[in-house]
Amino acid sequence: MGDGSATDVAIEVRELVVNFHGVEALRGIDLRVCRGEIFGIVGTNGAGKSTLIDALSGMVRPTSGSIKVLGRDPIRRSGELRKLTGVVPQEVSLEEKLTGLENLLYFGRLLDVPGDELKGRAEETIRFMGLWERRNDRLESYSVGMKRKIHFACSLIHRPELLLIDEATAGFDPVIREDVSGLIIDMARKEGITVVLTTHDLSDARDMCDRLAVLHRGEVVSTGRWDDISSAAGAGLYLGGINPGMEGKLRDLVSPGSLARVPGGYRVSLDSLQEALELAQLLDRNGLSASTISYGIQPEDVFRELTTERKGDSVV
């Protein structure tokens, strides 16, 4: 998706600044999120991700700048937006002694879901989460991943147009992460919900999101599709399984300064796939065979490139 016309915009942030006790948590943020897309806000701990979600949800008042969420100011029109948005914070806050279905009914009442619709919506939502068989079990018997699903369900019970998720997959094992990621994609695609999520994991964001914004020290350092963002960091040829004793010979065959050690092997910075193919053939002719060869860029390399601050030739 592109930036979209004004009628397609779910969120528009202009020159947003948020100060806490003299410290700028957010510094001149500009963002535009289109309706129906999954938009990722990526950054390390302390980058300002949670502060941005709090500002979008009306929990934090901007020091300066403007925010429009579904065409409304989240501070002045918080009551209206409460009925149109769902918020999933990092910490799961549910009633452990209630069943999964009872939690949905409880939160539905808090979110003013009409009484004649509430039970049907709760049942429909818990089915969507794949937890129908466990609906009458107390939450204290649920796994961490199941509780997270109920947390999502409680944020969806009033059928919001926009869902704000802070650290969607933090602390989950790979199986639960994949399950939650699939759930987020389903919510956006099947239910037409606009999703804005934060994560410190660029791999998650790459796999889930239509577009991304990389946040570093309170500023947006890059925004766009994954291909747009990753191209700014450059691609490379990854060589796994080469004997470290052959590093000297390897350096003789590549351009000066282009070789770097990475976990499990080496990375050679290159400008094109054709250049990578030519180098792979050159290495083979010179007896440098790798057990694994791949061309592209790893998420962690993109993140490192975008968030490294340089002063002269030194890394700050």
C-alpha atoms as a PDB file:
ATOM      1  CA  MET A   1       0.000   0.000   0.000  1.00  0.00           C
ATOM      2  CA  GLY A   2       1.095   3.550  -0.601  1.00  0.00           C
ATOM      3  CA  ASP A   3       0.410   6.632   1.452  1.00  0.00           C
ATOM      4  CA  GLY A   4      -3.216   6.720   0.300  1.00  0.00           C
ATOM      5  CA  SER A   5      -5.625   9.615  -0.149  1.00  0.00           C
ATOM      6  CA  ALA A   6      -6.986  11.579   2.800  1.00  0.00           C
ATOM      7  CA  THR A   7     -10.137   9.423   2.933  1.00  0.00           C
ATOM      8  CA  ASP A   8      -8.014   6.263   3.161  1.00  0.00           C
ATOM      9  CA  VAL A   9      -5.951   7.476   6.104  1.00  0.00           C
ATOM     10  CA  ALA A  10      -6.496   5.812   9.486  1.00  0.00           C
ATOM     11  CA  ILE A  11      -3.702   7.647  11.343  1.00  0.00           C
ATOM     12  CA  GLU A  12      -1.873  10.849  10.552  1.00  0.00           C
ATOM     13  CA  VAL A  13       0.906  12.139  12.806  1.00  0.00           C
ATOM     14  CA  ARG A  14       2.677  15.419  12.109  1.00  0.00           C
ATOM     15  CA  GLU A  15       5.765  16.777  13.888  1.00  0.00           C
ATOM     16  CA  LEU A  16       4.857  14.888  17.072  1.00  0.00           C
ATOM     17  CA  VAL A  17       6.996  15.702  20.099  1.00  0.00           C
ATOM     18  CA  VAL A  18       6.518  14.127  23.533  1.00  0.00           C
ATOM     19  CA  ASN A  19       8.642  15.250  26.481  1.00  0.00           C
ATOM     20  CA  PHE A  20       8.919  13.478  29.822  1.00  0.00           C
ATOM     21  CA  HIS A  21      10.645  15.521  32.544  1.00  0.00           C
ATOM     22  CA  GLY A  22      12.747  17.374  30.020  1.00  0.00           C
ATOM     23  CA  VAL A  23      13.638  14.282  27.975  1.00  0.00           C
ATOM     24  CA  GLU A  24      12.292  14.011  24.426  1.00  0.00           C
ATOM     25  CA  ALA A  25      10.757  10.542  24.132  1.00  0.00           C
ATOM     26  CA  LEU A  26       9.474  11.356  20.630  1.00  0.00           C
ATOM     27  CA  ARG A  27      11.130  13.930  18.400  1.00  0.00           C
ATOM     28  CA  GLY A  28       9.290  15.267  15.362  1.00  0.00           C
ATOM     29  CA  ILE A  29       7.458  12.085  14.332  1.00  0.00           C
ATOM     30  CA  ASP A  30       5.676  12.103  10.963  1.00  0.00           C
ATOM     31  CA  LEU A  31       3.579   9.043  10.063  1.00  0.00           C
ATOM     32  CA  ARG A  32       0.644   8.141   7.866  1.00  0.00           C
ATOM     33  CA  VAL A  33      -1.136   4.788   8.213  1.00  0.00           C
ATOM     34  CA  CYS A  34      -3.679   3.700   5.598  1.00  0.00           C
ATOM     35  CA  ARG A  35      -6.956   2.026   6.424  1.00  0.00           C
ATOM     36  CA  GLY A  36      -6.836  -1.757   6.209  1.00  0.00           C
ATOM     37  CA  GLU A  37      -3.061  -2.113   6.395  1.00  0.00           C
ATOM     38  CA  ILE A  38      -0.810  -3.708   8.983  1.00  0.00           C
ATOM     39  CA  PHE A  39       1.732  -1.077   9.951  1.00  0.00           C
ATOM     40  CA  GLY A  40       4.775  -1.960  12.038  1.00  0.00           C
ATOM     41  CA  ILE A  41       6.709   0.349  14.355  1.00  0.00           C
ATOM     42  CA  VAL A  42      10.122  -1.220  14.900  1.00  0.00           C
ATOM     43  CA  GLY A  43      12.794  -0.240  17.401  1.00  0.00           C
ATOM     44  CA  THR A  44      14.922  -1.356  20.316  1.00  0.00           C
ATOM     45  CA  ASN A  45      13.828  -0.949  23.939  1.00  0.00           C
ATOM     46  CA  GLY A  46      13.724   2.752  24.711  1.00  0.00           C
ATOM     47  CA  ALA A  47      13.248   3.819  21.084  1.00  0.00           C
ATOM     48  CA  GLY A  48       9.853   5.356  21.891  1.00  0.00           C
ATOM     49  CA  LYS A  49       7.531   2.657  20.539  1.00  0.00           C
ATOM     50  CA  SER A  50       5.279   2.355  23.600  1.00  0.00           C
ATOM     51  CA  THR A  51       5.158   6.138  23.988  1.00  0.00           C
ATOM     52  CA  LEU A  52       3.940   6.425  20.403  1.00  0.00           C
ATOM     53  CA  ILE A  53       1.205   3.821  20.998  1.00  0.00           C
ATOM     54  CA  ASP A  54       0.189   5.672  24.184  1.00  0.00           C
ATOM     55  CA  ALA A  55      -0.001   8.933  22.234  1.00  0.00           C
ATOM     56  CA  LEU A  56      -2.124   7.333  19.503  1.00  0.00           C
ATOM     57  CA  SER A  57      -4.498   5.878  22.097  1.00  0.00           C
ATOM     58  CA  GLY A  58      -4.839   9.183  23.974  1.00  0.00           C
ATOM     59  CA  MET A  59      -2.960   7.997  27.061  1.00  0.00           C
ATOM     60  CA  VAL A  60      -0.172  10.557  26.562  1.00  0.00           C
ATOM     61  CA  ARG A  61      -0.685  14.211  25.656  1.00  0.00           C
ATOM     62  CA  PRO A  62       1.662  15.522  22.951  1.00  0.00           C
ATOM     63  CA  THR A  63       4.065  18.297  23.892  1.00  0.00           C
ATOM     64  CA  SER A  64       3.670  19.628  20.364  1.00  0.00           C
ATOM     65  CA  GLY A  65       2.575  18.466  16.924  1.00  0.00           C
ATOM     66  CA  SER A  66      -0.705  16.852  15.927  1.00  0.00           C
ATOM     67  CA  ILE A  67      -2.329  13.409  15.839  1.00  0.00           C
ATOM     68  CA  LYS A  68      -5.454  12.336  13.989  1.00  0.00           C
ATOM     69  CA  VAL A  69      -6.778   8.829  14.597  1.00  0.00           C
ATOM     70  CA  LEU A  70      -9.701   7.904  12.348  1.00  0.00           C
ATOM     71  CA  GLY A  71     -10.030  11.636  11.702  1.00  0.00           C
ATOM     72  CA  ARG A  72     -10.235  12.510  15.413  1.00  0.00           C
ATOM     73  CA  ASP A  73      -7.969  14.030  18.036  1.00  0.00           C
ATOM     74  CA  PRO A  74      -7.250  11.205  20.544  1.00  0.00           C
ATOM     75  CA  ILE A  75      -7.234  13.627  23.503  1.00  0.00           C
ATOM     76  CA  ARG A  76     -10.256  15.796  22.710  1.00  0.00           C
ATOM     77  CA  ARG A  77     -12.411  12.994  21.292  1.00  0.00           C
ATOM     78  CA  SER A  78     -11.254  10.064  23.407  1.00  0.00           C
ATOM     79  CA  GLY A  79     -14.820   8.905  24.107  1.00  0.00           C
ATOM     80  CA  GLU A  80     -15.596   8.449  20.429  1.00  0.00           C
ATOM     81  CA  LEU A  81     -12.277   6.736  19.718  1.00  0.00           C
ATOM     82  CA  ARG A  82     -12.746   4.355  22.623  1.00  0.00           C
ATOM     83  CA  LYS A  83     -15.625   2.794  20.669  1.00  0.00           C
ATOM     84  CA  LEU A  84     -13.650   2.660  17.409  1.00  0.00           C
ATOM     85  CA  THR A  85     -10.260   1.384  18.544  1.00  0.00           C
ATOM     86  CA  GLY A  86      -8.887  -1.594  20.416  1.00  0.00           C
ATOM     87  CA  VAL A  87      -5.651  -1.468  22.406  1.00  0.00           C
ATOM     88  CA  VAL A  88      -3.515  -4.484  23.314  1.00  0.00           C
ATOM     89  CA  PRO A  89      -0.779  -3.382  25.759  1.00  0.00           C
ATOM     90  CA  GLN A  90       2.305  -5.446  26.576  1.00  0.00           C
ATOM     91  CA  GLU A  91       0.946  -6.683  29.896  1.00  0.00           C
ATOM     92  CA  VAL A  92      -2.024  -9.034  29.753  1.00  0.00           C
ATOM     93  CA  SER A  93      -4.726  -7.698  32.098  1.00  0.00           C
ATOM     94  CA  LEU A  94      -7.548 -10.205  32.443  1.00  0.00           C
ATOM     95  CA  GLU A  95      -9.701 -11.741  35.164  1.00  0.00           C
ATOM     96  CA  GLU A  96      -8.001 -15.056  35.987  1.00  0.00           C
ATOM     97  CA  LYS A  97     -10.951 -16.451  37.966  1.00  0.00           C
ATOM     98  CA  LEU A  98     -13.365 -15.940  35.088  1.00  0.00           C
ATOM     99  CA  THR A  99     -13.652 -18.255  32.095  1.00  0.00           C
ATOM    100  CA  GLY A 100     -12.495 -17.196  28.666  1.00  0.00           C
ATOM    101  CA  LEU A 101     -16.063 -16.463  27.577  1.00  0.00           C
ATOM    102  CA  GLU A 102     -16.839 -14.603  30.802  1.00  0.00           C
ATOM    103  CA  ASN A 103     -13.830 -12.348  30.227  1.00  0.00           C
ATOM    104  CA  LEU A 104     -15.185 -11.397  26.815  1.00  0.00           C
ATOM    105  CA  LEU A 105     -18.621 -10.664  28.279  1.00  0.00           C
ATOM    106  CA  TYR A 106     -17.036  -8.589  31.056  1.00  0.00           C
ATOM    107  CA  PHE A 107     -14.939  -6.471  28.689  1.00  0.00           C
ATOM    108  CA  GLY A 108     -17.826  -6.201  26.244  1.00  0.00           C
ATOM    109  CA  ARG A 109     -19.925  -4.537  28.946  1.00  0.00           C
ATOM    110  CA  LEU A 110     -17.040  -2.160  29.757  1.00  0.00           C
ATOM    111  CA  LEU A 111     -16.844  -1.250  26.062  1.00  0.00           C
ATOM    112  CA  ASP A 112     -20.600  -0.575  25.842  1.00  0.00           C
ATOM    113  CA  VAL A 113     -21.464  -3.442  23.504  1.00  0.00           C
ATOM    114  CA  PRO A 114     -25.301  -3.550  23.316  1.00  0.00           C
ATOM    115  CA  GLY A 115     -26.680  -6.180  25.663  1.00  0.00           C
ATOM    116  CA  ASP A 116     -28.734  -7.933  22.991  1.00  0.00           C
ATOM    117  CA  GLU A 117     -25.609  -8.375  20.836  1.00  0.00           C
ATOM    118  CA  LEU A 118     -22.986  -9.107  23.471  1.00  0.00           C
ATOM    119  CA  LYS A 119     -23.363 -12.873  23.911  1.00  0.00           C
ATOM    120  CA  GLY A 120     -23.395 -13.539  20.169  1.00  0.00           C
ATOM    121  CA  ARG A 121     -20.362 -11.353  19.599  1.00  0.00           C
ATOM    122  CA  ALA A 122     -18.449 -12.986  22.449  1.00  0.00           C
ATOM    123  CA  GLU A 123     -19.129 -16.460  21.099  1.00  0.00           C
ATOM    124  CA  GLU A 124     -18.246 -15.418  17.549  1.00  0.00           C
ATOM    125  CA  THR A 125     -14.979 -13.809  18.698  1.00  0.00           C
ATOM    126  CA  ILE A 126     -13.832 -16.727  20.827  1.00  0.00           C
ATOM    127  CA  ARG A 127     -14.505 -19.057  17.883  1.00  0.00           C
ATOM    128  CA  PHE A 128     -12.389 -16.797  15.673  1.00  0.00           C
ATOM    129  CA  MET A 129      -9.563 -17.149  18.196  1.00  0.00           C
ATOM    130  CA  GLY A 130      -9.790 -20.949  18.004  1.00  0.00           C
ATOM    131  CA  LEU A 131     -10.674 -21.284  21.703  1.00  0.00           C
ATOM    132  CA  TRP A 132     -14.287 -22.450  21.526  1.00  0.00           C
ATOM    133  CA  GLU A 133     -13.538 -25.773  23.215  1.00  0.00           C
ATOM    134  CA  ARG A 134     -11.938 -23.940  26.170  1.00  0.00           C
ATOM    135  CA  ARG A 135     -14.531 -21.166  26.464  1.00  0.00           C
ATOM    136  CA  ASN A 136     -15.915 -22.395  29.802  1.00  0.00           C
ATOM    137  CA  ASP A 137     -12.521 -23.016  31.448  1.00  0.00           C
ATOM    138  CA  ARG A 138     -11.118 -20.519  33.910  1.00  0.00           C
ATOM    139  CA  LEU A 139      -8.380 -18.324  32.521  1.00  0.00           C
ATOM    140  CA  GLU A 140      -5.946 -19.466  35.222  1.00  0.00           C
ATOM    141  CA  SER A 141      -5.826 -22.843  33.427  1.00  0.00           C
ATOM    142  CA  TYR A 142      -4.882 -21.280  30.065  1.00  0.00           C
ATOM    143  CA  SER A 143      -1.399 -21.252  28.596  1.00  0.00           C
ATOM    144  CA  VAL A 144       0.423 -17.943  28.007  1.00  0.00           C
ATOM    145  CA  GLY A 145      -0.412 -18.055  24.305  1.00  0.00           C
ATOM    146  CA  MET A 146      -4.097 -18.770  24.968  1.00  0.00           C
ATOM    147  CA  LYS A 147      -4.300 -15.862  27.422  1.00  0.00           C
ATOM    148  CA  ARG A 148      -2.778 -13.601  24.767  1.00  0.00           C
ATOM    149  CA  LYS A 149      -5.498 -14.727  22.351  1.00  0.00           C
ATOM    150  CA  ILE A 150      -8.203 -13.873  24.892  1.00  0.00           C
ATOM    151  CA  HIS A 151      -6.488 -10.517  25.368  1.00  0.00           C
ATOM    152  CA  PHE A 152      -6.811  -9.910  21.630  1.00  0.00           C
ATOM    153  CA  ALA A 153     -10.414 -11.095  21.725  1.00  0.00           C
ATOM    154  CA  CYS A 154     -11.312  -8.625  24.485  1.00  0.00           C
ATOM    155  CA  SER A 155      -9.891  -5.814  22.342  1.00  0.00           C
ATOM    156  CA  LEU A 156     -12.030  -6.939  19.391  1.00  0.00           C
ATOM    157  CA  ILE A 157     -15.338  -7.533  21.160  1.00  0.00           C
ATOM    158  CA  HIS A 158     -16.667  -4.057  20.231  1.00  0.00           C
ATOM    159  CA  ARG A 159     -15.618  -4.550  16.573  1.00  0.00           C
ATOM    160  CA  PRO A 160     -13.070  -1.726  16.338  1.00  0.00           C
ATOM    161  CA  GLU A 161     -11.880  -0.197  13.098  1.00  0.00           C
ATOM    162  CA  LEU A 162      -8.324   0.113  14.418  1.00  0.00           C
ATOM    163  CA  LEU A 163      -6.222  -2.123  16.653  1.00  0.00           C
ATOM    164  CA  LEU A 164      -3.089  -0.844  18.438  1.00  0.00           C
ATOM    165  CA  ILE A 165      -0.784  -3.639  19.652  1.00  0.00           C
ATOM    166  CA  ASP A 166       2.296  -3.013  21.794  1.00  0.00           C
ATOM    167  CA  GLU A 167       4.999  -5.711  21.399  1.00  0.00           C
ATOM    168  CA  ALA A 168       2.742  -8.238  19.713  1.00  0.00           C
ATOM    169  CA  THR A 169       4.988 -11.318  20.073  1.00  0.00           C
ATOM    170  CA  ALA A 170       7.403 -10.380  22.864  1.00  0.00           C
ATOM    171  CA  GLY A 171       8.405 -13.268  25.136  1.00  0.00           C
ATOM    172  CA  PHE A 172       6.733 -16.009  23.092  1.00  0.00           C
ATOM    173  CA  ASP A 173       8.360 -19.215  21.919  1.00  0.00           C
ATOM    174  CA  PRO A 174       8.552 -19.707  18.110  1.00  0.00           C
ATOM    175  CA  VAL A 175       5.327 -21.734  17.910  1.00  0.00           C
ATOM    176  CA  ILE A 176       3.242 -19.166  19.796  1.00  0.00           C
ATOM    177  CA  ARG A 177       4.895 -16.309  17.887  1.00  0.00           C
ATOM    178  CA  GLU A 178       3.839 -17.875  14.597  1.00  0.00           C
ATOM    179  CA  ASP A 179       0.318 -18.448  15.918  1.00  0.00           C
ATOM    180  CA  VAL A 180      -0.065 -14.844  17.112  1.00  0.00           C
ATOM    181  CA  SER A 181       1.434 -13.485  13.882  1.00  0.00           C
ATOM    182  CA  GLY A 182      -1.084 -15.489  11.854  1.00  0.00           C
ATOM    183  CA  LEU A 183      -3.880 -14.208  14.069  1.00  0.00           C
ATOM    184  CA  ILE A 184      -2.901 -10.580  13.462  1.00  0.00           C
ATOM    185  CA  ILE A 185      -2.812 -11.131   9.701  1.00  0.00           C
ATOM    186  CA  ASP A 186      -6.230 -12.829   9.818  1.00  0.00           C
ATOM    187  CA  MET A 187      -7.730  -9.939  11.801  1.00  0.00           C
ATOM    188  CA  ALA A 188      -6.551  -7.440   9.210  1.00  0.00           C
ATOM    189  CA  ARG A 189      -7.420  -9.466   6.115  1.00  0.00           C
ATOM    190  CA  LYS A 190     -10.672 -11.138   7.159  1.00  0.00           C
ATOM    191  CA  GLU A 191     -12.117  -8.490   9.457  1.00  0.00           C
ATOM    192  CA  GLY A 192     -10.809  -5.421   7.610  1.00  0.00           C
ATOM    193  CA  ILE A 193      -9.212  -4.015  10.748  1.00  0.00           C
ATOM    194  CA  THR A 194      -6.337  -1.549  10.489  1.00  0.00           C
ATOM    195  CA  VAL A 195      -3.497  -2.802  12.699  1.00  0.00           C
ATOM    196  CA  VAL A 196      -0.608  -0.803  14.122  1.00  0.00           C
ATOM    197  CA  LEU A 197       1.870  -2.898  16.061  1.00  0.00           C
ATOM    198  CA  THR A 198       5.194  -2.316  17.761  1.00  0.00           C
ATOM    199  CA  THR A 199       8.009  -4.833  17.943  1.00  0.00           C
ATOM    200  CA  HIS A 200      11.755  -4.939  18.529  1.00  0.00           C
ATOM    201  CA  ASP A 201      11.959  -7.906  16.138  1.00  0.00           C
ATOM    202  CA  LEU A 202      12.415  -6.819  12.523  1.00  0.00           C
ATOM    203  CA  SER A 203      11.806 -10.403  11.321  1.00  0.00           C
ATOM    204  CA  ASP A 204       8.293 -10.331  12.803  1.00  0.00           C
ATOM    205  CA  ALA A 205       7.583  -6.961  11.251  1.00  0.00           C
ATOM    206  CA  ARG A 206       8.916  -8.043   7.862  1.00  0.00           C
ATOM    207  CA  ASP A 207       6.667 -11.116   7.815  1.00  0.00           C
ATOM    208  CA  MET A 208       3.489  -9.444   9.100  1.00  0.00           C
ATOM    209  CA  CYS A 209       3.450  -5.840   7.974  1.00  0.00           C
ATOM    210  CA  ASP A 210       2.531  -4.069   4.763  1.00  0.00           C
ATOM    211  CA  ARG A 211       4.740  -1.130   5.719  1.00  0.00           C
ATOM    212  CA  LEU A 212       7.185  -0.333   8.515  1.00  0.00           C
ATOM    213  CA  ALA A 213       8.625   2.626  10.367  1.00  0.00           C
ATOM    214  CA  VAL A 214      11.985   2.165  12.081  1.00  0.00           C
ATOM    215  CA  LEU A 215      12.149   4.210  15.284  1.00  0.00           C
ATOM    216  CA  HIS A 216      15.489   5.099  16.897  1.00  0.00           C
ATOM    217  CA  ARG A 217      15.919   7.369  19.902  1.00  0.00           C
ATOM    218  CA  GLY A 218      12.509   8.888  19.387  1.00  0.00           C
ATOM    219  CA  GLU A 219      12.886   9.578  15.679  1.00  0.00           C
ATOM    220  CA  VAL A 220      11.709   7.790  12.532  1.00  0.00           C
ATOM    221  CA  VAL A 221      14.884   6.872  10.633  1.00  0.00           C
ATOM    222  CA  SER A 222      13.188   4.980   7.792  1.00  0.00           C
ATOM    223  CA  THR A 223       9.694   4.130   6.606  1.00  0.00           C
ATOM    224  CA  GLY A 224       8.188   2.110   3.759  1.00  0.00           C
ATOM    225  CA  ARG A 225       7.776  -1.456   2.577  1.00  0.00           C
ATOM    226  CA  TRP A 226      10.359  -4.028   3.632  1.00  0.00           C
ATOM    227  CA  ASP A 227      11.998  -3.894   0.203  1.00  0.00           C
ATOM    228  CA  ASP A 228      12.293  -0.112   0.425  1.00  0.00           C
ATOM    229  CA  ILE A 229      13.808  -0.199   3.892  1.00  0.00           C
ATOM    230  CA  SER A 230      16.150  -3.125   3.321  1.00  0.00           C
ATOM    231  CA  SER A 231      17.506  -1.702   0.062  1.00  0.00           C
ATOM    232  CA  ALA A 232      18.840   1.284   2.000  1.00  0.00           C
ATOM    233  CA  ALA A 233      21.079  -1.034   3.999  1.00  0.00           C
ATOM    234  CA  GLY A 234      22.531  -2.923   1.015  1.00  0.00           C
ATOM    235  CA  ALA A 235      22.560  -6.646   0.276  1.00  0.00           C
ATOM    236  CA  GLY A 236      25.266  -9.228   0.657  1.00  0.00           C
ATOM    237  CA  LEU A 237      26.468 -12.728  -0.132  1.00  0.00           C
ATOM    238  CA  TYR A 238      26.360 -15.000   2.929  1.00  0.00           C
ATOM    239  CA  LEU A 239      28.895 -17.822   3.038  1.00  0.00           C
ATOM    240  CA  GLY A 240      28.491 -20.524   5.652  1.00  0.00           C
ATOM    241  CA  GLY A 241      30.831 -23.366   6.547  1.00  0.00           C
ATOM    242  CA  ILE A 242      34.100 -21.850   5.247  1.00  0.00           C
ATOM    243  CA  ASN A 243      37.085 -22.809   7.372  1.00  0.00           C
ATOM    244  CA  PRO A 244      38.242 -19.745   9.380  1.00  0.00           C
ATOM    245  CA  GLY A 245      41.789 -20.638   8.347  1.00  0.00           C
ATOM    246  CA  MET A 246      40.836 -19.692   4.794  1.00  0.00           C
ATOM    247  CA  GLU A 247      39.838 -16.142   5.727  1.00  0.00           C
ATOM    248  CA  GLY A 248      43.094 -14.684   4.394  1.00  0.00           C
ATOM    249  CA  LYS A 249      42.559 -16.270   0.996  1.00  0.00           C
ATOM    250  CA  LEU A 250      38.948 -15.113   1.026  1.00  0.00           C
ATOM    251  CA  ARG A 251      40.014 -11.525   1.701  1.00  0.00           C
ATOM    252  CA  ASP A 252      42.372 -11.674  -1.271  1.00  0.00           C
ATOM    253  CA  LEU A 253      39.448 -12.439  -3.579  1.00  0.00           C
ATOM    254  CA  VAL A 254      36.943  -9.808  -2.453  1.00  0.00           C
ATOM    255  CA  SER A 255      36.961  -6.011  -2.521  1.00  0.00           C
ATOM    256  CA  PRO A 256      38.796  -4.378   0.399  1.00  0.00           C
ATOM    257  CA  GLY A 257      36.488  -3.658   3.333  1.00  0.00           C
ATOM    258  CA  SER A 258      33.583  -5.697   1.965  1.00  0.00           C
ATOM    259  CA  LEU A 259      34.112  -8.837   4.079  1.00  0.00           C
ATOM    260  CA  ALA A 260      32.702  -9.247   7.592  1.00  0.00           C
ATOM    261  CA  ARG A 261      32.395 -12.159   9.967  1.00  0.00           C
ATOM    262  CA  VAL A 262      28.833 -13.091  10.915  1.00  0.00           C
ATOM    263  CA  PRO A 263      27.486 -15.971  13.030  1.00  0.00           C
ATOM    264  CA  GLY A 264      28.236 -19.192  11.151  1.00  0.00           C
ATOM    265  CA  GLY A 265      30.332 -17.696   8.389  1.00  0.00           C
ATOM    266  CA  TYR A 266      31.039 -14.536   6.408  1.00  0.00           C
ATOM    267  CA  ARG A 267      29.126 -11.766   4.668  1.00  0.00           C
ATOM    268  CA  VAL A 268      30.409  -9.966   1.561  1.00  0.00           C
ATOM    269  CA  SER A 269      28.788  -6.594   0.805  1.00  0.00           C
ATOM    270  CA  LEU A 270      27.750  -6.400  -2.857  1.00  0.00           C
ATOM    271  CA  ASP A 271      25.717  -4.141  -5.125  1.00  0.00           C
ATOM    272  CA  SER A 272      23.812  -6.706  -7.209  1.00  0.00           C
ATOM    273  CA  LEU A 273      22.791 -10.324  -7.617  1.00  0.00           C
ATOM    274  CA  GLN A 274      24.971 -10.558 -10.750  1.00  0.00           C
ATOM    275  CA  GLU A 275      27.985  -9.495  -8.708  1.00  0.00           C
ATOM    276  CA  ALA A 276      27.120 -12.172  -6.134  1.00  0.00           C
ATOM    277  CA  LEU A 277      26.940 -14.896  -8.809  1.00  0.00           C
ATOM    278  CA  GLU A 278      30.291 -13.854 -10.247  1.00  0.00           C
ATOM    279  CA  LEU A 279      31.906 -13.898  -6.806  1.00  0.00           C
ATOM    280  CA  ALA A 280      30.475 -17.343  -6.010  1.00  0.00           C
ATOM    281  CA  GLN A 281      32.005 -18.698  -9.226  1.00  0.00           C
ATOM    282  CA  LEU A 282      35.340 -17.030  -8.426  1.00  0.00           C
ATOM    283  CA  LEU A 283      35.421 -18.603  -4.973  1.00  0.00           C
ATOM    284  CA  ASP A 284      34.635 -22.026  -6.414  1.00  0.00           C
ATOM    285  CA  ARG A 285      37.459 -21.750  -8.971  1.00  0.00           C
ATOM    286  CA  ASN A 286      39.844 -20.919  -6.149  1.00  0.00           C
ATOM    287  CA  GLY A 287      38.831 -23.874  -3.997  1.00  0.00           C
ATOM    288  CA  LEU A 288      36.786 -21.901  -1.468  1.00  0.00           C
ATOM    289  CA  SER A 289      33.606 -23.933  -1.251  1.00  0.00           C
ATOM    290  CA  ALA A 290      30.906 -22.934   1.243  1.00  0.00           C
ATOM    291  CA  SER A 291      28.374 -25.320   2.720  1.00  0.00           C
ATOM    292  CA  THR A 292      25.662 -22.652   2.418  1.00  0.00           C
ATOM    293  CA  ILE A 293      25.467 -19.648   0.096  1.00  0.00           C
ATOM    294  CA  SER A 294      22.680 -17.089   0.033  1.00  0.00           C
ATOM    295  CA  TYR A 295      22.218 -13.597  -1.333  1.00  0.00           C
ATOM    296  CA  GLY A 296      20.113 -10.933   0.337  1.00  0.00           C
ATOM    297  CA  ILE A 297      20.018  -9.079   3.610  1.00  0.00           C
ATOM    298  CA  GLN A 298      19.177 -10.276   7.089  1.00  0.00           C
ATOM    299  CA  PRO A 299      16.731  -8.277   9.223  1.00  0.00           C
ATOM    300  CA  GLU A 300      19.309  -7.737  11.957  1.00  0.00           C
ATOM    301  CA  ASP A 301      21.709  -6.243   9.391  1.00  0.00           C
ATOM    302  CA  VAL A 302      19.043  -3.819   8.190  1.00  0.00           C
ATOM    303  CA  PHE A 303      18.306  -2.759  11.736  1.00  0.00           C
ATOM    304  CA  ARG A 304      21.987  -2.342  12.590  1.00  0.00           C
ATOM    305  CA  GLU A 305      22.594  -0.239   9.506  1.00  0.00           C
ATOM    306  CA  LEU A 306      19.621   2.040  10.108  1.00  0.00           C
ATOM    307  CA  THR A 307      20.267   2.618  13.809  1.00  0.00           C
ATOM    308  CA  THR A 308      24.047   2.965  13.821  1.00  0.00           C
ATOM    309  CA  GLU A 309      25.059   6.550  14.453  1.00  0.00           C
ATOM    310  CA  ARG A 310      28.352   7.660  12.961  1.00  0.00           C
ATOM    311  CA  LYS A 311      30.554  10.609  13.720  1.00  0.00           C
ATOM    312  CA  GLY A 312      33.396  10.877  11.228  1.00  0.00           C
ATOM    313  CA  ASP A 313      34.629   7.302  10.857  1.00  0.00           C
ATOM    314  CA  SER A 314      33.687   6.218  14.375  1.00  0.00           C
ATOM    315  CA  VAL A 315      30.585   4.433  15.559  1.00  0.00           C
ATOM    316  CA  VAL A 316      28.910   6.327  18.387  1.00  0.00           C
END
